[in-house]
């Protein structure tokens, strides 16, 4: 799943910085834990594509970039910026 997240965000947003963190282990046994070890994610993205966009618009851009992969993600937290 990490490779899919990385590839889709790279392709759609061309970030200058991208971090993808699997936080699923912190949520083991909680609601939404599907046992896959790949249900909870945190991303840090710096991308010029975010210039002039509101926080909601940036989140929508990430969700759109991930597409059907969002069907397998229970929780996605994001730190999104247009610069370093």
PDB file of N, CA and C in Angstrom:
ATOM      1  N   UNK A   1       0.814  -1.188   0.000  1.00  0.00           N
ATOM      2  CA  UNK A   1       0.000   0.000   0.000  1.00  0.00           C
ATOM      3  C   UNK A   1       0.867   1.265   0.000  1.00  0.00           C
ATOM      4  N   UNK A   2       1.968   1.239   0.743  1.00  0.00           N
ATOM      5  CA  UNK A   2       2.839   2.421   0.776  1.00  0.00           C
ATOM      6  C   UNK A   2       3.331   2.781  -0.622  1.00  0.00           C
ATOM      7  N   UNK A   3       3.717   1.792  -1.391  1.00  0.00           N
ATOM      8  CA  UNK A   3       4.204   2.054  -2.752  1.00  0.00           C
ATOM      9  C   UNK A   3       3.103   2.657  -3.619  1.00  0.00           C
ATOM     10  N   UNK A   4       1.887   2.184  -3.455  1.00  0.00           N
ATOM     11  CA  UNK A   4       0.748   2.719  -4.211  1.00  0.00           C
ATOM     12  C   UNK A   4       0.497   4.169  -3.833  1.00  0.00           C
ATOM     13  N   UNK A   5       0.488   4.455  -2.542  1.00  0.00           N
ATOM     14  CA  UNK A   5       0.268   5.828  -2.068  1.00  0.00           C
ATOM     15  C   UNK A   5       1.339   6.747  -2.637  1.00  0.00           C
ATOM     16  N   UNK A   6       2.601   6.331  -2.511  1.00  0.00           N
ATOM     17  CA  UNK A   6       3.723   7.128  -3.004  1.00  0.00           C
ATOM     18  C   UNK A   6       3.616   7.395  -4.507  1.00  0.00           C
ATOM     19  N   UNK A   7       3.376   6.351  -5.258  1.00  0.00           N
ATOM     20  CA  UNK A   7       3.331   6.473  -6.717  1.00  0.00           C
ATOM     21  C   UNK A   7       2.203   7.393  -7.168  1.00  0.00           C
ATOM     22  N   UNK A   8       1.045   7.230  -6.567  1.00  0.00           N
ATOM     23  CA  UNK A   8      -0.095   8.052  -6.988  1.00  0.00           C
ATOM     24  C   UNK A   8       0.076   9.521  -6.598  1.00  0.00           C
ATOM     25  N   UNK A   9       0.605   9.776  -5.409  1.00  0.00           N
ATOM     26  CA  UNK A   9       0.815  11.160  -4.993  1.00  0.00           C
ATOM     27  C   UNK A   9       1.930  11.813  -5.806  1.00  0.00           C
ATOM     28  N   UNK A  10       2.999  11.067  -6.084  1.00  0.00           N
ATOM     29  CA  UNK A  10       4.080  11.589  -6.929  1.00  0.00           C
ATOM     30  C   UNK A  10       3.552  11.966  -8.314  1.00  0.00           C
ATOM     31  N   UNK A  11       2.791  11.072  -8.914  1.00  0.00           N
ATOM     32  CA  UNK A  11       2.290  11.295 -10.270  1.00  0.00           C
ATOM     33  C   UNK A  11       1.336  12.485 -10.346  1.00  0.00           C
ATOM     34  N   UNK A  12       0.452  12.598  -9.386  1.00  0.00           N
ATOM     35  CA  UNK A  12      -0.583  13.629  -9.457  1.00  0.00           C
ATOM     36  C   UNK A  12      -0.120  14.996  -8.963  1.00  0.00           C
ATOM     37  N   UNK A  13       0.739  15.021  -7.943  1.00  0.00           N
ATOM     38  CA  UNK A  13       1.062  16.291  -7.292  1.00  0.00           C
ATOM     39  C   UNK A  13       2.491  16.774  -7.514  1.00  0.00           C
ATOM     40  N   UNK A  14       3.364  15.910  -8.006  1.00  0.00           N
ATOM     41  CA  UNK A  14       4.769  16.262  -8.228  1.00  0.00           C
ATOM     42  C   UNK A  14       5.358  16.976  -7.010  1.00  0.00           C
ATOM     43  N   UNK A  15       5.288  16.367  -5.832  1.00  0.00           N
ATOM     44  CA  UNK A  15       5.745  17.051  -4.616  1.00  0.00           C
ATOM     45  C   UNK A  15       7.261  17.242  -4.573  1.00  0.00           C
ATOM     46  N   UNK A  16       7.662  18.328  -3.906  1.00  0.00           N
ATOM     47  CA  UNK A  16       9.088  18.537  -3.667  1.00  0.00           C
ATOM     48  C   UNK A  16       9.528  17.755  -2.430  1.00  0.00           C
ATOM     49  N   UNK A  17       8.560  17.351  -1.622  1.00  0.00           N
ATOM     50  CA  UNK A  17       8.823  16.550  -0.424  1.00  0.00           C
ATOM     51  C   UNK A  17       7.617  15.652  -0.185  1.00  0.00           C
ATOM     52  N   UNK A  18       7.874  14.383   0.096  1.00  0.00           N
ATOM     53  CA  UNK A  18       6.794  13.435   0.374  1.00  0.00           C
ATOM     54  C   UNK A  18       7.248  12.432   1.419  1.00  0.00           C
ATOM     55  N   UNK A  19       6.477  12.329   2.474  1.00  0.00           N
ATOM     56  CA  UNK A  19       6.684  11.298   3.497  1.00  0.00           C
ATOM     57  C   UNK A  19       5.400  10.507   3.612  1.00  0.00           C
ATOM     58  N   UNK A  20       5.527   9.193   3.700  1.00  0.00           N
ATOM     59  CA  UNK A  20       4.379   8.312   3.888  1.00  0.00           C
ATOM     60  C   UNK A  20       4.680   7.439   5.091  1.00  0.00           C
ATOM     61  N   UNK A  21       3.851   7.564   6.120  1.00  0.00           N
ATOM     62  CA  UNK A  21       4.065   6.832   7.363  1.00  0.00           C
ATOM     63  C   UNK A  21       2.886   5.884   7.623  1.00  0.00           C
ATOM     64  N   UNK A  22       3.204   4.630   7.830  1.00  0.00           N
ATOM     65  CA  UNK A  22       2.194   3.647   8.192  1.00  0.00           C
ATOM     66  C   UNK A  22       2.021   3.689   9.711  1.00  0.00           C
ATOM     67  N   UNK A  23       0.863   4.135  10.160  1.00  0.00           N
ATOM     68  CA  UNK A  23       0.579   4.245  11.593  1.00  0.00           C
ATOM     69  C   UNK A  23      -0.383   3.154  12.068  1.00  0.00           C
ATOM     70  N   UNK A  24      -0.560   2.129  11.276  1.00  0.00           N
ATOM     71  CA  UNK A  24      -1.533   1.078  11.579  1.00  0.00           C
ATOM     72  C   UNK A  24      -1.246   0.368  12.896  1.00  0.00           C
ATOM     73  N   UNK A  25       0.014   0.156  13.208  1.00  0.00           N
ATOM     74  CA  UNK A  25       0.354  -0.566  14.440  1.00  0.00           C
ATOM     75  C   UNK A  25      -0.147   0.167  15.682  1.00  0.00           C
ATOM     76  N   UNK A  26      -0.224   1.490  15.595  1.00  0.00           N
ATOM     77  CA  UNK A  26      -0.714   2.286  16.724  1.00  0.00           C
ATOM     78  C   UNK A  26      -2.217   2.118  16.932  1.00  0.00           C
ATOM     79  N   UNK A  27      -2.897   1.536  15.952  1.00  0.00           N
ATOM     80  CA  UNK A  27      -4.351   1.403  15.998  1.00  0.00           C
ATOM     81  C   UNK A  27      -4.811  -0.053  16.007  1.00  0.00           C
ATOM     82  N   UNK A  28      -3.893  -0.954  16.238  1.00  0.00           N
ATOM     83  CA  UNK A  28      -4.227  -2.387  16.254  1.00  0.00           C
ATOM     84  C   UNK A  28      -5.334  -2.650  17.266  1.00  0.00           C
ATOM     85  N   UNK A  29      -6.360  -3.340  16.823  1.00  0.00           N
ATOM     86  CA  UNK A  29      -7.478  -3.683  17.695  1.00  0.00           C
ATOM     87  C   UNK A  29      -8.533  -2.602  17.810  1.00  0.00           C
ATOM     88  N   UNK A  30      -8.265  -1.430  17.254  1.00  0.00           N
ATOM     89  CA  UNK A  30      -9.236  -0.331  17.286  1.00  0.00           C
ATOM     90  C   UNK A  30     -10.228  -0.470  16.135  1.00  0.00           C
ATOM     91  N   UNK A  31     -11.267   0.311  16.202  1.00  0.00           N
ATOM     92  CA  UNK A  31     -12.233   0.368  15.114  1.00  0.00           C
ATOM     93  C   UNK A  31     -11.518   0.747  13.827  1.00  0.00           C
ATOM     94  N   UNK A  32     -11.830   0.068  12.760  1.00  0.00           N
ATOM     95  CA  UNK A  32     -11.212   0.346  11.471  1.00  0.00           C
ATOM     96  C   UNK A  32      -9.971  -0.468  11.195  1.00  0.00           C
ATOM     97  N   UNK A  33      -9.439  -1.137  12.207  1.00  0.00           N
ATOM     98  CA  UNK A  33      -8.273  -2.003  11.991  1.00  0.00           C
ATOM     99  C   UNK A  33      -8.762  -3.269  11.308  1.00  0.00           C
ATOM    100  N   UNK A  34      -8.356  -3.440  10.064  1.00  0.00           N
ATOM    101  CA  UNK A  34      -8.822  -4.612   9.303  1.00  0.00           C
ATOM    102  C   UNK A  34      -7.864  -5.789   9.405  1.00  0.00           C
ATOM    103  N   UNK A  35      -6.815  -5.634  10.205  1.00  0.00           N
ATOM    104  CA  UNK A  35      -5.858  -6.716  10.381  1.00  0.00           C
ATOM    105  C   UNK A  35      -4.779  -6.773   9.316  1.00  0.00           C
ATOM    106  N   UNK A  36      -4.866  -5.909   8.314  1.00  0.00           N
ATOM    107  CA  UNK A  36      -3.886  -5.923   7.217  1.00  0.00           C
ATOM    108  C   UNK A  36      -2.569  -5.253   7.595  1.00  0.00           C
ATOM    109  N   UNK A  37      -2.604  -4.422   8.635  1.00  0.00           N
ATOM    110  CA  UNK A  37      -1.417  -3.653   8.989  1.00  0.00           C
ATOM    111  C   UNK A  37      -1.205  -2.478   8.051  1.00  0.00           C
ATOM    112  N   UNK A  38      -2.209  -2.181   7.236  1.00  0.00           N
ATOM    113  CA  UNK A  38      -2.113  -1.088   6.263  1.00  0.00           C
ATOM    114  C   UNK A  38      -3.409  -0.283   6.195  1.00  0.00           C
ATOM    115  N   UNK A  39      -3.967   0.047   7.352  1.00  0.00           N
ATOM    116  CA  UNK A  39      -5.261   0.733   7.376  1.00  0.00           C
ATOM    117  C   UNK A  39      -5.180   2.197   7.793  1.00  0.00           C
ATOM    118  N   UNK A  40      -4.106   2.585   8.475  1.00  0.00           N
ATOM    119  CA  UNK A  40      -3.968   3.943   8.999  1.00  0.00           C
ATOM    120  C   UNK A  40      -2.664   4.568   8.493  1.00  0.00           C
ATOM    121  N   UNK A  41      -2.781   5.735   7.855  1.00  0.00           N
ATOM    122  CA  UNK A  41      -1.633   6.360   7.211  1.00  0.00           C
ATOM    123  C   UNK A  41      -1.546   7.841   7.539  1.00  0.00           C
ATOM    124  N   UNK A  42      -0.320   8.367   7.497  1.00  0.00           N
ATOM    125  CA  UNK A  42      -0.075   9.796   7.640  1.00  0.00           C
ATOM    126  C   UNK A  42       0.861  10.194   6.512  1.00  0.00           C
ATOM    127  N   UNK A  43       0.516  11.280   5.810  1.00  0.00           N
ATOM    128  CA  UNK A  43       1.375  11.774   4.743  1.00  0.00           C
ATOM    129  C   UNK A  43       1.764  13.228   5.009  1.00  0.00           C
ATOM    130  N   UNK A  44       2.981  13.558   4.630  1.00  0.00           N
ATOM    131  CA  UNK A  44       3.481  14.926   4.656  1.00  0.00           C
ATOM    132  C   UNK A  44       3.835  15.254   3.216  1.00  0.00           C
ATOM    133  N   UNK A  45       3.214  16.292   2.683  1.00  0.00           N
ATOM    134  CA  UNK A  45       3.422  16.629   1.271  1.00  0.00           C
ATOM    135  C   UNK A  45       3.674  18.123   1.129  1.00  0.00           C
ATOM    136  N   UNK A  46       4.751  18.468   0.425  1.00  0.00           N
ATOM    137  CA  UNK A  46       5.020  19.844   0.025  1.00  0.00           C
ATOM    138  C   UNK A  46       4.917  19.860  -1.492  1.00  0.00           C
ATOM    139  N   UNK A  47       3.996  20.630  -2.036  1.00  0.00           N
ATOM    140  CA  UNK A  47       3.809  20.643  -3.483  1.00  0.00           C
ATOM    141  C   UNK A  47       3.329  22.004  -3.966  1.00  0.00           C
ATOM    142  N   UNK A  48       3.918  22.472  -5.053  1.00  0.00           N
ATOM    143  CA  UNK A  48       3.476  23.724  -5.674  1.00  0.00           C
ATOM    144  C   UNK A  48       2.029  23.616  -6.153  1.00  0.00           C
ATOM    145  N   UNK A  49       1.568  22.402  -6.405  1.00  0.00           N
ATOM    146  CA  UNK A  49       0.188  22.190  -6.841  1.00  0.00           C
ATOM    147  C   UNK A  49      -0.812  22.717  -5.813  1.00  0.00           C
ATOM    148  N   UNK A  50      -0.363  22.898  -4.585  1.00  0.00           N
ATOM    149  CA  UNK A  50      -1.238  23.395  -3.525  1.00  0.00           C
ATOM    150  C   UNK A  50      -1.326  24.923  -3.487  1.00  0.00           C
ATOM    151  N   UNK A  51      -0.504  25.606  -4.290  1.00  0.00           N
ATOM    152  CA  UNK A  51      -0.512  27.079  -4.299  1.00  0.00           C
ATOM    153  C   UNK A  51      -1.928  27.603  -4.510  1.00  0.00           C
ATOM    154  N   UNK A  52      -2.342  28.521  -3.647  1.00  0.00           N
ATOM    155  CA  UNK A  52      -3.652  29.160  -3.790  1.00  0.00           C
ATOM    156  C   UNK A  52      -4.841  28.299  -3.420  1.00  0.00           C
ATOM    157  N   UNK A  53      -4.592  27.106  -2.925  1.00  0.00           N
ATOM    158  CA  UNK A  53      -5.678  26.181  -2.580  1.00  0.00           C
ATOM    159  C   UNK A  53      -5.961  26.226  -1.082  1.00  0.00           C
ATOM    160  N   UNK A  54      -7.224  26.102  -0.732  1.00  0.00           N
ATOM    161  CA  UNK A  54      -7.606  26.031   0.682  1.00  0.00           C
ATOM    162  C   UNK A  54      -7.241  24.661   1.241  1.00  0.00           C
ATOM    163  N   UNK A  55      -7.307  24.547   2.553  1.00  0.00           N
ATOM    164  CA  UNK A  55      -7.014  23.259   3.200  1.00  0.00           C
ATOM    165  C   UNK A  55      -7.944  22.165   2.670  1.00  0.00           C
ATOM    166  N   UNK A  56      -9.213  22.472   2.530  1.00  0.00           N
ATOM    167  CA  UNK A  56     -10.182  21.492   2.017  1.00  0.00           C
ATOM    168  C   UNK A  56      -9.844  21.102   0.580  1.00  0.00           C
ATOM    169  N   UNK A  57      -9.496  22.072  -0.249  1.00  0.00           N
ATOM    170  CA  UNK A  57      -9.139  21.769  -1.639  1.00  0.00           C
ATOM    171  C   UNK A  57      -7.899  20.883  -1.699  1.00  0.00           C
ATOM    172  N   UNK A  58      -6.935  21.136  -0.832  1.00  0.00           N
ATOM    173  CA  UNK A  58      -5.726  20.304  -0.797  1.00  0.00           C
ATOM    174  C   UNK A  58      -6.064  18.872  -0.411  1.00  0.00           C
ATOM    175  N   UNK A  59      -6.914  18.708   0.589  1.00  0.00           N
ATOM    176  CA  UNK A  59      -7.324  17.366   1.005  1.00  0.00           C
ATOM    177  C   UNK A  59      -8.049  16.655  -0.128  1.00  0.00           C
ATOM    178  N   UNK A  60      -8.910  17.370  -0.817  1.00  0.00           N
ATOM    179  CA  UNK A  60      -9.627  16.767  -1.955  1.00  0.00           C
ATOM    180  C   UNK A  60      -8.673  16.342  -3.055  1.00  0.00           C
ATOM    181  N   UNK A  61      -7.619  17.143  -3.281  1.00  0.00           N
ATOM    182  CA  UNK A  61      -6.623  16.785  -4.295  1.00  0.00           C
ATOM    183  C   UNK A  61      -5.923  15.477  -3.931  1.00  0.00           C
ATOM    184  N   UNK A  62      -5.590  15.307  -2.660  1.00  0.00           N
ATOM    185  CA  UNK A  62      -4.931  14.079  -2.210  1.00  0.00           C
ATOM    186  C   UNK A  62      -5.879  12.894  -2.373  1.00  0.00           C
ATOM    187  N   UNK A  63      -7.117  13.054  -1.940  1.00  0.00           N
ATOM    188  CA  UNK A  63      -8.098  11.967  -2.075  1.00  0.00           C
ATOM    189  C   UNK A  63      -8.291  11.594  -3.543  1.00  0.00           C
ATOM    190  N   UNK A  64      -8.381  12.601  -4.413  1.00  0.00           N
ATOM    191  CA  UNK A  64      -8.540  12.332  -5.848  1.00  0.00           C
ATOM    192  C   UNK A  64      -7.325  11.597  -6.401  1.00  0.00           C
ATOM    193  N   UNK A  65      -6.134  12.003  -5.980  1.00  0.00           N
ATOM    194  CA  UNK A  65      -4.905  11.357  -6.453  1.00  0.00           C
ATOM    195  C   UNK A  65      -4.855   9.890  -6.023  1.00  0.00           C
ATOM    196  N   UNK A  66      -5.331   9.606  -4.837  1.00  0.00           N
ATOM    197  CA  UNK A  66      -5.302   8.223  -4.335  1.00  0.00           C
ATOM    198  C   UNK A  66      -6.393   7.364  -4.958  1.00  0.00           C
ATOM    199  N   UNK A  67      -7.466   7.986  -5.409  1.00  0.00           N
ATOM    200  CA  UNK A  67      -8.526   7.259  -6.118  1.00  0.00           C
ATOM    201  C   UNK A  67      -9.051   6.068  -5.349  1.00  0.00           C
ATOM    202  N   UNK A  68      -9.124   4.913  -6.019  1.00  0.00           N
ATOM    203  CA  UNK A  68      -9.709   3.715  -5.412  1.00  0.00           C
ATOM    204  C   UNK A  68      -8.866   3.141  -4.277  1.00  0.00           C
ATOM    205  N   UNK A  69      -7.637   3.611  -4.115  1.00  0.00           N
ATOM    206  CA  UNK A  69      -6.832   3.163  -2.964  1.00  0.00           C
ATOM    207  C   UNK A  69      -7.475   3.623  -1.660  1.00  0.00           C
ATOM    208  N   UNK A  70      -8.249   4.705  -1.711  1.00  0.00           N
ATOM    209  CA  UNK A  70      -8.934   5.202  -0.517  1.00  0.00           C
ATOM    210  C   UNK A  70      -9.927   4.165   0.022  1.00  0.00           C
ATOM    211  N   UNK A  71     -10.381   3.268  -0.824  1.00  0.00           N
ATOM    212  CA  UNK A  71     -11.304   2.207  -0.385  1.00  0.00           C
ATOM    213  C   UNK A  71     -10.642   1.268   0.616  1.00  0.00           C
ATOM    214  N   UNK A  72      -9.308   1.196   0.593  1.00  0.00           N
ATOM    215  CA  UNK A  72      -8.572   0.298   1.492  1.00  0.00           C
ATOM    216  C   UNK A  72      -7.936   1.025   2.662  1.00  0.00           C
ATOM    217  N   UNK A  73      -8.142   2.337   2.734  1.00  0.00           N
ATOM    218  CA  UNK A  73      -7.571   3.143   3.813  1.00  0.00           C
ATOM    219  C   UNK A  73      -8.673   3.542   4.774  1.00  0.00           C
ATOM    220  N   UNK A  74      -8.514   3.182   6.035  1.00  0.00           N
ATOM    221  CA  UNK A  74      -9.517   3.563   7.032  1.00  0.00           C
ATOM    222  C   UNK A  74      -9.294   4.987   7.521  1.00  0.00           C
ATOM    223  N   UNK A  75      -8.037   5.363   7.745  1.00  0.00           N
ATOM    224  CA  UNK A  75      -7.714   6.693   8.269  1.00  0.00           C
ATOM    225  C   UNK A  75      -6.501   7.251   7.539  1.00  0.00           C
ATOM    226  N   UNK A  76      -6.612   8.512   7.143  1.00  0.00           N
ATOM    227  CA  UNK A  76      -5.521   9.198   6.458  1.00  0.00           C
ATOM    228  C   UNK A  76      -5.387  10.590   7.060  1.00  0.00           C
ATOM    229  N   UNK A  77      -4.285  10.836   7.762  1.00  0.00           N
ATOM    230  CA  UNK A  77      -4.023  12.171   8.276  1.00  0.00           C
ATOM    231  C   UNK A  77      -2.988  12.811   7.363  1.00  0.00           C
ATOM    232  N   UNK A  78      -3.066  14.146   7.239  1.00  0.00           N
ATOM    233  CA  UNK A  78      -2.244  14.838   6.268  1.00  0.00           C
ATOM    234  C   UNK A  78      -1.676  16.141   6.816  1.00  0.00           C
ATOM    235  N   UNK A  79      -0.415  16.404   6.487  1.00  0.00           N
ATOM    236  CA  UNK A  79       0.207  17.703   6.666  1.00  0.00           C
ATOM    237  C   UNK A  79       0.561  18.163   5.249  1.00  0.00           C
ATOM    238  N   UNK A  80      -0.127  19.189   4.772  1.00  0.00           N
ATOM    239  CA  UNK A  80       0.021  19.612   3.388  1.00  0.00           C
ATOM    240  C   UNK A  80       0.478  21.064   3.319  1.00  0.00           C
ATOM    241  N   UNK A  81       1.525  21.296   2.516  1.00  0.00           N
ATOM    242  CA  UNK A  81       2.065  22.639   2.382  1.00  0.00           C
ATOM    243  C   UNK A  81       2.481  22.880   0.938  1.00  0.00           C
ATOM    244  N   UNK A  82       2.511  24.163   0.550  1.00  0.00           N
ATOM    245  CA  UNK A  82       2.974  24.467  -0.802  1.00  0.00           C
ATOM    246  C   UNK A  82       4.456  24.822  -0.837  1.00  0.00           C
ATOM    247  N   UNK A  83       5.128  24.760   0.342  1.00  0.00           N
ATOM    248  CA  UNK A  83       6.561  25.029   0.364  1.00  0.00           C
ATOM    249  C   UNK A  83       7.238  24.324   1.526  1.00  0.00           C
ATOM    250  N   UNK A  84       8.558  24.337   1.512  1.00  0.00           N
ATOM    251  CA  UNK A  84       9.333  23.648   2.546  1.00  0.00           C
ATOM    252  C   UNK A  84       9.280  24.360   3.871  1.00  0.00           C
TER     253      UNK A  84
END
